[in-house]
Protein backbone atom coordinates (compact mmCIF):
# COMPACT_ATOMS: atom_id res chain seq x y z
CA UNK A 1 120.86 108.29 89.20
CA UNK A 2 122.52 105.79 91.55
CA UNK A 3 124.95 108.54 92.62
CA UNK A 4 122.35 110.77 93.43
CA UNK A 5 120.46 108.19 95.92
CA UNK A 6 123.96 107.34 97.31
CA UNK A 7 124.76 111.14 98.07
CA UNK A 8 121.05 111.61 99.66
CA UNK A 9 121.81 108.63 101.60
CA UNK A 10 124.80 109.92 103.01
CA UNK A 11 123.38 113.46 103.61
CA UNK A 12 120.70 111.85 105.77
CA UNK A 13 123.39 110.18 107.97
CA UNK A 14 125.06 113.51 108.56
CA UNK A 15 121.80 115.49 109.15
CA UNK A 16 118.61 115.03 110.81
CA UNK A 17 116.57 116.66 108.16
CA UNK A 18 115.00 115.08 105.18
CA UNK A 19 116.93 114.84 102.28
CA UNK A 20 115.03 116.37 99.27
CA UNK A 21 116.64 115.92 95.49
CA UNK A 22 115.48 116.53 92.08
CA UNK A 23 115.41 113.64 89.82
CA UNK A 24 115.01 113.39 86.49
CA UNK A 25 111.85 111.51 85.19
CA UNK A 26 110.53 109.92 81.80
CA UNK A 27 109.54 112.68 79.68
CA UNK A 28 111.89 115.43 80.63
CA UNK A 29 109.72 116.48 84.15
CA UNK A 30 110.69 116.00 87.27
CA UNK A 31 109.89 114.69 90.87
CA UNK A 32 110.49 115.29 94.35
CA UNK A 33 111.92 112.73 96.16
CA UNK A 34 112.58 112.91 99.91
CA UNK A 35 113.88 110.11 102.40
CA UNK A 36 111.17 109.74 105.08
CA UNK A 37 113.19 107.24 107.16
CA UNK A 38 115.85 104.69 106.72
CA UNK A 39 118.43 102.90 109.04
CA UNK A 40 120.75 99.80 109.51
CA UNK A 41 119.51 98.74 112.80
CA UNK A 42 120.53 95.28 112.67
CA UNK A 43 117.70 93.84 115.02
CA UNK A 44 117.31 90.49 115.34
CA UNK A 45 114.32 88.86 116.54
CA UNK A 46 114.45 87.68 120.11
CA UNK A 47 111.91 84.79 120.30
CA UNK A 48 109.42 83.06 118.36
CA UNK A 49 106.44 85.16 117.94
CA UNK A 50 105.62 87.69 115.55
CA UNK A 51 107.43 91.02 116.37
CA UNK A 52 108.32 94.60 115.77
CA UNK A 53 111.54 95.18 114.27
CA UNK A 54 111.27 98.98 113.24
CA UNK A 55 108.49 101.32 112.84
CA UNK A 56 108.78 104.37 110.09
CA UNK A 57 105.83 107.31 110.98
CA UNK A 58 104.03 108.58 108.14
CA UNK A 59 102.73 112.05 109.27
CA UNK A 60 99.11 112.81 107.92
CA UNK A 61 99.18 114.77 104.65
CA UNK A 62 102.46 112.91 103.73
CA UNK A 63 100.51 111.55 100.44
CA UNK A 64 98.71 114.52 99.61
CA UNK A 65 97.99 114.15 95.77
CA UNK A 66 96.86 111.45 93.57
CA UNK A 67 99.85 109.61 92.61
CA UNK A 68 101.90 110.33 95.24
CA UNK A 69 104.03 107.24 96.27
CA UNK A 70 106.02 105.77 99.13
CA UNK A 71 109.06 103.75 98.21
CA UNK A 72 109.28 100.79 100.75
CA UNK A 73 112.79 98.43 101.28
CA UNK A 74 113.40 96.22 104.02
CA UNK A 75 116.39 94.29 104.01
CA UNK A 76 116.49 90.79 106.25
CA UNK A 77 119.34 88.51 106.74
CA UNK A 78 118.41 84.83 107.37
CA UNK A 79 120.29 82.42 109.69
CA UNK A 80 121.55 79.03 107.90
CA UNK A 81 119.16 76.52 109.19
CA UNK A 82 115.84 75.15 108.27
CA UNK A 83 113.99 76.68 110.97
CA UNK A 84 110.76 78.44 109.53
CA UNK A 85 110.99 82.49 108.93
CA UNK A 86 108.60 85.30 107.88
CA UNK A 87 109.44 88.68 106.89
CA UNK A 88 106.33 91.07 106.98
CA UNK A 89 105.83 94.67 106.10
CA UNK A 90 102.72 96.09 107.60
CA UNK A 91 100.84 99.69 106.71
CA UNK A 92 98.28 100.97 108.91
CA UNK A 93 97.03 103.91 111.12
CA UNK A 94 99.61 105.08 113.50
CA UNK A 95 99.70 102.78 116.49
CA UNK A 96 98.23 99.86 114.72
CA UNK A 97 101.78 98.11 114.94
CA UNK A 98 100.93 94.16 113.78
CA UNK A 99 97.27 94.97 113.35
CA UNK A 100 98.11 96.85 110.06
CA UNK A 101 97.79 95.33 106.53
CA UNK A 102 100.28 93.15 105.54
CA UNK A 103 101.63 94.55 102.11
CA UNK A 104 104.64 91.99 101.46
CA UNK A 105 105.59 89.21 103.49
CA UNK A 106 108.24 86.10 102.34
CA UNK A 107 108.61 83.32 104.47
CA UNK A 108 111.35 80.20 103.84
CA UNK A 109 112.70 77.28 105.80
CA UNK A 110 115.78 76.77 103.49
CA UNK A 111 119.31 75.82 105.17
CA UNK A 112 120.83 78.82 103.22
CA UNK A 113 121.94 81.97 104.67
CA UNK A 114 120.53 84.51 102.62
CA UNK A 115 119.48 88.31 102.32
CA UNK A 116 115.76 89.06 101.55
CA UNK A 117 115.05 92.26 100.28
CA UNK A 118 111.25 93.14 100.44
CA UNK A 119 110.20 95.96 98.19
CA UNK A 120 106.80 97.86 98.33
CA UNK A 121 105.77 100.76 95.90
CA UNK A 122 102.68 102.24 97.92
CA UNK A 123 100.77 104.75 95.64
CA UNK A 124 97.76 107.27 96.29
CA UNK A 125 95.09 106.87 94.04
CA UNK A 126 92.18 108.95 96.20
CA UNK A 127 92.64 110.22 100.10
CA UNK A 128 91.04 106.62 101.54
CA UNK A 129 92.55 104.21 98.50
CA UNK A 130 96.02 102.92 97.74
CA UNK A 131 97.52 100.30 95.60
CA UNK A 132 100.80 98.51 96.97
CA UNK A 133 102.27 96.29 94.42
CA UNK A 134 105.15 94.58 95.64
CA UNK A 135 108.08 91.96 95.04
CA UNK A 136 111.14 90.25 96.84
CA UNK A 137 114.31 89.25 96.30
CA UNK A 138 116.70 86.49 97.90
CA UNK A 139 120.17 86.92 97.49
CA UNK A 140 122.67 83.98 97.84
CA UNK A 141 119.63 81.50 97.50
CA UNK A 142 118.00 79.37 95.16
CA UNK A 143 114.61 77.81 95.49
CA UNK A 144 110.95 79.46 96.08
CA UNK A 145 109.51 80.73 99.35
CA UNK A 146 106.32 81.51 100.20
CA UNK A 147 105.34 85.10 98.85
CA UNK A 148 102.16 87.21 99.98
CA UNK A 149 102.50 90.36 97.56
CA UNK A 150 100.63 93.41 96.87
CA UNK A 151 97.64 94.56 98.14
CA UNK A 152 95.04 97.14 97.92
CA UNK A 153 94.88 99.56 100.84
CA UNK A 154 91.95 101.64 102.28
CA UNK A 155 94.04 104.11 104.70
CA UNK A 156 93.02 107.66 105.86
CA UNK A 157 95.86 109.56 105.04
CA UNK A 158 94.41 112.56 106.60
CA UNK A 159 95.80 111.23 110.00
CA UNK A 160 98.96 109.81 111.06
CA UNK A 161 99.89 106.54 109.88
CA UNK A 162 103.18 103.77 109.97
CA UNK A 163 105.00 101.50 108.39
CA UNK A 164 105.74 98.47 110.33
CA UNK A 165 108.69 95.91 109.57
CA UNK A 166 108.25 92.69 111.45
CA UNK A 167 109.29 88.84 111.76
CA UNK A 168 108.73 85.72 112.73
CA UNK A 169 110.64 82.64 113.73
CA UNK A 170 109.36 79.21 114.68
CA UNK A 171 112.24 77.89 116.61
CA UNK A 172 114.60 80.32 118.06
CA UNK A 173 115.65 83.98 118.56
CA UNK A 174 117.81 85.74 116.00
CA UNK A 175 117.01 83.45 112.64
CA UNK A 176 115.71 86.44 111.10
CA UNK A 177 117.18 90.05 111.23
CA UNK A 178 116.22 93.50 109.91
CA UNK A 179 119.79 94.68 108.56
CA UNK A 180 118.42 97.96 106.46
CA UNK A 181 115.28 100.01 106.01
CA UNK A 182 114.34 102.92 103.90
CA UNK A 183 111.02 104.67 102.74
CA UNK A 184 111.40 107.36 100.44
CA UNK A 185 108.31 109.71 99.20
CA UNK A 186 108.10 110.43 95.81
CA UNK A 187 105.90 113.47 95.44
CA UNK A 188 103.47 113.20 91.91
CA UNK A 189 104.45 116.65 90.10
């Protein structure tokens, strides 16, 4: 299955169309998987305010059936200093930006360079209710940072929405960078 996702990622880099692949599911059924957006922007914070580092538009009707899911990943690189840093993923109506619902955030002020991966599984329950369990990992770091994890959302999926990858640093620019993000759609079949 890892090879299939690597092939899909390479295809996105080579073509402008979304990648659709069939993935074997438990019980012998299949689910359609589409990469909605992905990039490796290496976008760093430029100041000390909460700022948007990347946005992924989610067109109306993308999650058209109960059980459809968006798999959201954001990988951040943290500078080796004790400055406070916060990585955040929001979901909201198109144009909401930093006013959307926080579905995952991780903060830390350890003097260790590290990578943080934030992961959210955003699942449609109905057209206006969703769940968003999430988790995070930190590579090259030992200890515990503050974590806001999971949320229940009430987005209207009949209109355009967006996923926002953001960060806040307390002292200086470039303490936290978004180095990779992806949003993948799993259609419930």
